[in-house]
Amino acid sequence: MNRRMRMAEGFIAADWGTTNRRAYWIDGEGRCAGEFEDSRGALSIPSGGFPEAVAEIRNRLGDKPLLLAGMIGSNRGWIEAPYVPCPAGVDDLASALVWADEETAIVPGVCDSQRADVMRGEEVQVLGAVAGKLIPSDCLVCHPGTHTKWVEVIGGRISTFRTVMTGELFNLLKEQSVLSDLLSFPVELGDAFDAGVRHGLELDDLQAELFSVRARVLLGNAPREQAASYTSGLLVGGGVRIGLAMAPRPRVFVMGRPELTRLYAAALTRAGHQPVELDGEQCFLAGIQQIAERIA
């Protein structure tokens, strides 16, 4: 039986990121018939441990063909899948799959050589949203996360993009900076977050303003409980300013986990734009099925 026929009977898709992985069993009707998520991200797997980690997925969801996307295909993952250059569409991803064996394929990432930028995993969601008609063929997409992606889609393909290290910077400040004791509080939408967003949108003084977060608390000018929300808003607002400058459009499609999309939607609204929130899981499943259908 050839690969196409095997995929048509059902397959397992895994969105394997840096810190976690999500796997889905897609049946022959294209429905998600089972799934799981854990913290076995690519960076948590020891050298030589990927075959065992891949076997775990099949042990949990069945002995089926497997499509892997995300950091699993990076130089810090299992088998490196070379980047597809922009502009990139679903056909480009499908034709550049790297096969670990007859039953296991890795989806390549996308690169923008002019900007010296790369992505892995987000491309499946963005192109899946195009295929599923969740976004128009010409639009601006924001994919928030550890490394937030701002993606310009033209003609249904990823034309260009820019990465902003918003989430990673917040985590580093929370874990290893003079602000760490203040950033342990939860980030919430409200006046403090909105004030941070306004500052980030309007002013380009991030390094100085971050120090002021602590100084205002020490001087009694701001409650410590609001420091995390303000700092998050500051970073998100600055990231939104960068993304909108890249490709200004009135509507922006914000794709990913709801707890993150709502923060960016609030910031985009403050910036005078119209955010449309999309579930990243739905987009991923649409994209990975498009790739599976193109396997020869």
Protein backbone atom coordinates (compact mmCIF):
# COMPACT_ATOMS: atom_id res chain seq x y z
CA MET A 1 0.00 0.00 0.00
CA ASN A 2 1.45 3.40 -0.99
CA ARG A 3 1.81 6.40 1.31
CA ARG A 4 -1.22 8.25 -0.04
CA MET A 5 -3.50 5.26 0.58
CA ARG A 6 -2.12 4.79 4.08
CA MET A 7 -2.72 8.45 4.92
CA ALA A 8 -6.26 8.25 3.53
CA GLU A 9 -7.05 5.55 6.10
CA GLY A 10 -6.06 7.89 8.92
CA PHE A 11 -2.87 9.26 10.41
CA ILE A 12 -1.37 10.90 13.48
CA ALA A 13 -0.33 14.55 13.38
CA ALA A 14 1.96 16.09 15.99
CA ASP A 15 2.63 19.76 16.62
CA TRP A 16 5.97 19.30 18.41
CA GLY A 17 7.26 22.54 19.86
CA THR A 18 10.18 23.60 22.00
CA THR A 19 8.52 23.03 25.37
CA ASN A 20 5.51 20.79 24.66
CA ARG A 21 3.91 18.57 22.05
CA ARG A 22 0.32 18.02 20.95
CA ALA A 23 -0.65 14.91 18.99
CA TYR A 24 -3.91 14.15 17.18
CA TRP A 25 -5.34 10.96 15.69
CA ILE A 26 -7.09 11.91 12.43
CA ASP A 27 -9.40 9.17 11.21
CA GLY A 28 -10.23 8.27 7.61
CA GLU A 29 -13.10 10.78 7.59
CA GLY A 30 -10.77 13.62 8.54
CA ARG A 31 -12.10 13.87 12.09
CA CYS A 32 -9.96 14.23 15.21
CA ALA A 33 -10.71 10.93 16.98
CA GLY A 34 -8.17 11.23 19.79
CA GLU A 35 -5.48 13.55 21.10
CA PHE A 36 -3.10 14.27 23.95
CA GLU A 37 -0.73 17.01 25.06
CA ASP A 38 2.33 16.79 27.29
CA SER A 39 5.50 18.64 28.21
CA ARG A 40 7.79 16.45 26.09
CA GLY A 41 8.98 19.34 23.94
CA ALA A 42 11.92 18.98 21.58
CA LEU A 43 14.39 20.50 24.04
CA SER A 44 13.38 18.04 26.78
CA ILE A 45 14.33 14.95 24.75
CA PRO A 46 17.88 13.69 25.47
CA SER A 47 20.33 13.01 22.67
CA GLY A 48 19.33 9.84 20.90
CA GLY A 49 15.95 9.76 22.61
CA PHE A 50 13.71 10.83 19.74
CA PRO A 51 12.92 7.35 18.34
CA GLU A 52 11.58 6.38 21.76
CA ALA A 53 9.64 9.67 22.04
CA VAL A 54 8.08 9.07 18.61
CA ALA A 55 7.16 5.51 19.62
CA GLU A 56 5.37 6.93 22.67
CA ILE A 57 2.99 8.81 20.36
CA ARG A 58 2.07 5.66 18.46
CA ASN A 59 1.71 3.70 21.68
CA ARG A 60 -0.89 6.23 22.84
CA LEU A 61 -2.76 6.87 19.58
CA GLY A 62 -2.16 3.81 17.39
CA ASP A 63 0.21 2.35 14.84
CA LYS A 64 -0.52 4.83 12.05
CA PRO A 65 1.46 7.03 9.66
CA LEU A 66 2.85 10.06 11.46
CA LEU A 67 3.26 13.69 10.34
CA LEU A 68 5.49 15.77 12.62
CA ALA A 69 5.61 19.58 12.52
CA GLY A 70 7.46 22.18 14.57
CA MET A 71 10.80 22.18 16.36
CA ILE A 72 11.10 18.40 15.94
CA GLY A 73 12.48 19.23 12.47
CA SER A 74 15.00 21.82 13.64
CA ASN A 75 18.73 21.42 14.27
CA ARG A 76 17.81 20.98 17.94
CA GLY A 77 15.20 18.33 17.18
CA TRP A 78 15.26 14.82 15.71
CA ILE A 79 15.98 15.06 11.97
CA GLU A 80 16.52 18.45 10.40
CA ALA A 81 14.04 19.36 7.67
CA PRO A 82 15.48 22.24 5.58
CA TYR A 83 13.46 25.45 5.44
CA VAL A 84 11.26 26.26 2.46
CA PRO A 85 11.88 29.86 1.31
CA CYS A 86 9.17 32.50 1.08
CA PRO A 87 6.80 32.81 -0.66
CA ALA A 88 5.60 29.42 0.56
CA GLY A 89 2.31 27.56 0.23
CA VAL A 90 0.97 24.15 1.20
CA ASP A 91 2.30 22.54 -1.99
CA ASP A 92 5.81 23.74 -1.14
CA LEU A 93 5.63 22.18 2.34
CA ALA A 94 4.25 18.89 1.06
CA SER A 95 6.90 18.53 -1.64
CA ALA A 96 9.72 19.15 0.88
CA LEU A 97 8.70 16.63 3.55
CA VAL A 98 11.64 14.74 5.08
CA TRP A 99 10.88 11.05 5.63
CA ALA A 100 12.46 9.43 8.66
CA ASP A 101 11.04 6.11 7.45
CA GLU A 102 8.15 4.92 5.27
CA GLU A 103 5.62 5.82 7.96
CA THR A 104 7.04 9.00 9.52
CA ALA A 105 7.47 12.40 7.83
CA ILE A 106 8.68 15.76 9.12
CA VAL A 107 7.19 19.01 7.81
CA PRO A 108 9.78 21.64 6.86
CA GLY A 109 9.75 25.12 8.33
CA VAL A 110 9.70 28.36 6.34
CA CYS A 111 12.47 30.95 6.05
CA ASP A 112 12.61 34.57 4.96
CA SER A 113 16.19 35.09 3.81
CA GLN A 114 15.79 38.82 3.26
CA ARG A 115 14.78 39.37 6.89
CA ALA A 116 16.97 36.52 8.18
CA ASP A 117 13.98 34.96 9.91
CA VAL A 118 12.64 31.41 10.36
CA MET A 119 9.55 29.62 11.63
CA ARG A 120 8.60 26.03 12.41
CA GLY A 121 5.05 24.96 13.17
CA GLU A 122 3.29 28.29 12.69
CA GLU A 123 3.36 27.83 8.91
CA VAL A 124 1.03 24.82 9.17
CA GLN A 125 -1.50 26.88 11.13
CA VAL A 126 -1.34 29.91 8.85
CA LEU A 127 -1.70 27.91 5.63
CA GLY A 128 -4.34 25.74 7.25
CA ALA A 129 -6.37 28.84 8.03
CA VAL A 130 -6.11 29.88 4.37
CA ALA A 131 -7.21 26.42 3.17
CA GLY A 132 -10.08 26.34 5.65
CA LYS A 133 -11.18 29.83 4.55
CA LEU A 134 -10.72 31.09 8.10
CA ILE A 135 -8.60 33.95 6.78
CA PRO A 136 -8.55 35.65 3.36
CA SER A 137 -5.79 34.97 0.84
CA ASP A 138 -4.34 38.45 1.49
CA CYS A 139 -4.04 39.42 5.14
CA LEU A 140 -1.85 40.02 8.19
CA VAL A 141 -1.63 37.26 10.81
CA CYS A 142 -0.33 37.54 14.36
CA HIS A 143 0.67 34.23 15.96
CA PRO A 144 1.49 35.00 19.62
CA GLY A 145 3.75 32.78 21.66
CA THR A 146 7.27 32.45 22.99
CA HIS A 147 8.42 33.79 19.63
CA THR A 148 5.48 35.76 18.25
CA LYS A 149 5.19 35.67 14.46
CA TRP A 150 3.78 38.49 12.35
CA VAL A 151 3.00 36.98 8.96
CA GLU A 152 1.94 38.70 5.75
CA VAL A 153 -0.11 36.38 3.54
CA ILE A 154 -0.39 37.28 -0.16
CA GLY A 155 -2.15 35.11 -2.70
CA GLY A 156 -2.74 32.42 -0.08
CA ARG A 157 0.99 31.97 0.56
CA ILE A 158 3.33 33.14 3.31
CA SER A 159 4.96 36.13 1.67
CA THR A 160 7.08 37.51 4.49
CA PHE A 161 7.15 37.46 8.28
CA ARG A 162 8.90 38.82 11.34
CA THR A 163 9.55 37.23 14.72
CA VAL A 164 9.32 39.19 17.98
CA MET A 165 10.67 37.44 21.10
CA THR A 166 7.88 38.79 23.32
CA GLY A 167 7.07 35.65 25.29
CA GLU A 168 10.66 34.58 25.78
CA LEU A 169 11.68 38.04 26.97
CA PHE A 170 8.85 38.10 29.51
CA ASN A 171 9.86 34.65 30.78
CA LEU A 172 13.52 35.65 31.08
CA LEU A 173 12.56 38.79 33.02
CA LYS A 174 10.32 36.67 35.25
CA GLU A 175 13.00 34.09 35.99
CA GLN A 176 16.34 35.90 35.91
CA SER A 177 15.94 39.66 36.32
CA VAL A 178 15.56 42.24 39.04
CA LEU A 179 11.83 42.18 38.21
CA SER A 180 11.41 38.47 38.96
CA ASP A 181 9.66 38.93 42.31
CA LEU A 182 7.15 41.33 40.73
CA LEU A 183 6.35 39.21 37.68
CA SER A 184 5.12 36.22 39.69
CA PHE A 185 1.64 37.74 39.78
CA PRO A 186 -0.86 36.70 37.07
CA VAL A 187 -1.19 38.75 33.89
CA GLU A 188 -4.72 40.08 33.57
CA LEU A 189 -6.54 42.34 31.16
CA GLY A 190 -7.36 45.66 32.83
CA ASP A 191 -6.04 49.14 33.43
CA ALA A 192 -2.44 48.08 34.13
CA PHE A 193 -2.17 45.93 31.00
CA ASP A 194 -3.79 48.66 28.91
CA ALA A 195 -1.38 51.28 30.28
CA GLY A 196 1.57 49.07 29.34
CA VAL A 197 0.16 48.53 25.86
CA ARG A 198 -0.28 52.28 25.33
CA HIS A 199 3.30 52.93 26.38
CA GLY A 200 4.64 50.15 24.16
CA LEU A 201 2.66 51.40 21.17
CA GLU A 202 3.68 55.03 21.54
CA LEU A 203 7.25 55.04 22.86
CA ASP A 204 10.46 53.24 21.94
CA ASP A 205 12.14 53.17 25.36
CA LEU A 206 11.66 49.54 26.42
CA GLN A 207 14.99 49.13 28.24
CA ALA A 208 14.41 52.22 30.38
CA GLU A 209 10.71 51.59 31.01
CA LEU A 210 11.40 48.05 32.25
CA PHE A 211 13.57 49.45 35.04
CA SER A 212 10.84 51.98 35.87
CA VAL A 213 8.44 49.10 36.55
CA ARG A 214 10.37 48.27 39.72
CA ALA A 215 11.16 51.87 40.61
CA ARG A 216 7.48 52.84 40.62
CA VAL A 217 6.69 50.01 43.03
CA LEU A 218 9.59 50.96 45.33
CA LEU A 219 8.47 54.60 45.38
CA GLY A 220 4.85 53.69 46.07
CA ASN A 221 3.62 54.96 42.71
CA ALA A 222 2.22 51.59 41.55
CA PRO A 223 0.98 48.44 43.32
CA ARG A 224 3.27 45.43 42.99
CA GLU A 225 0.29 43.21 42.06
CA GLN A 226 -0.07 45.09 38.76
CA ALA A 227 3.59 44.91 37.69
CA ALA A 228 3.23 41.69 35.69
CA SER A 229 0.18 42.94 33.80
CA TYR A 230 1.86 46.26 33.02
CA THR A 231 5.09 44.58 31.89
CA SER A 232 3.20 42.13 29.69
CA GLY A 233 1.25 44.99 28.15
CA LEU A 234 4.46 46.92 27.56
CA LEU A 235 6.05 44.00 25.69
CA VAL A 236 2.90 43.13 23.76
CA GLY A 237 2.33 46.76 22.80
CA GLY A 238 5.88 47.09 21.52
CA GLY A 239 5.49 43.88 19.53
CA VAL A 240 2.22 45.07 18.01
CA ARG A 241 3.92 48.30 16.94
CA ILE A 242 6.61 46.26 15.15
CA GLY A 243 4.09 43.95 13.50
CA LEU A 244 1.81 46.70 12.26
CA ALA A 245 4.74 48.63 10.81
CA MET A 246 5.66 45.57 8.77
CA ALA A 247 2.30 45.28 7.00
CA PRO A 248 -0.36 47.76 8.19
CA ARG A 249 -3.89 46.45 7.64
CA PRO A 250 -7.15 47.39 9.39
CA ARG A 251 -7.98 43.76 10.27
CA VAL A 252 -5.45 41.45 11.92
CA PHE A 253 -6.06 37.72 12.38
CA VAL A 254 -4.72 36.58 15.76
CA MET A 255 -4.13 32.83 15.81
CA GLY A 256 -3.12 30.58 18.69
CA ARG A 257 -4.12 29.71 22.22
CA PRO A 258 -7.05 31.77 23.61
CA GLU A 259 -5.14 32.91 26.69
CA LEU A 260 -2.63 34.61 24.38
CA THR A 261 -4.87 35.73 21.53
CA ARG A 262 -7.06 37.72 23.91
CA LEU A 263 -4.07 39.77 25.08
CA TYR A 264 -3.03 40.63 21.54
CA ALA A 265 -6.63 41.29 20.51
CA ALA A 266 -6.90 43.85 23.32
CA ALA A 267 -3.64 45.50 22.25
CA LEU A 268 -4.69 45.62 18.59
CA THR A 269 -8.00 47.18 19.57
CA ARG A 270 -6.12 49.82 21.56
CA ALA A 271 -4.02 50.46 18.43
CA GLY A 272 -7.19 51.14 16.44
CA HIS A 273 -7.26 47.87 14.51
CA GLN A 274 -9.87 45.12 14.20
CA PRO A 275 -8.62 41.80 15.64
CA VAL A 276 -10.16 38.47 14.65
CA GLU A 277 -9.26 35.65 17.05
CA LEU A 278 -8.74 32.13 15.69
CA ASP A 279 -8.14 28.86 17.50
CA GLY A 280 -4.64 27.65 16.65
CA GLU A 281 -5.53 23.98 17.07
CA GLN A 282 -8.31 24.22 14.49
CA CYS A 283 -5.92 25.93 12.06
CA PHE A 284 -3.20 23.31 12.63
CA LEU A 285 -5.58 20.43 11.93
CA ALA A 286 -6.77 22.11 8.72
CA GLY A 287 -3.18 22.64 7.57
CA ILE A 288 -1.83 19.20 8.40
CA GLN A 289 -4.72 17.55 6.55
CA GLN A 290 -3.93 19.65 3.48
CA ILE A 291 -0.36 18.37 3.61
CA ALA A 292 -1.47 14.76 4.10
CA GLU A 293 -3.73 14.96 1.04
CA ARG A 294 -0.75 15.96 -1.12
CA ILE A 295 1.49 13.04 -0.16
CA ALA A 296 2.32 10.92 -3.20
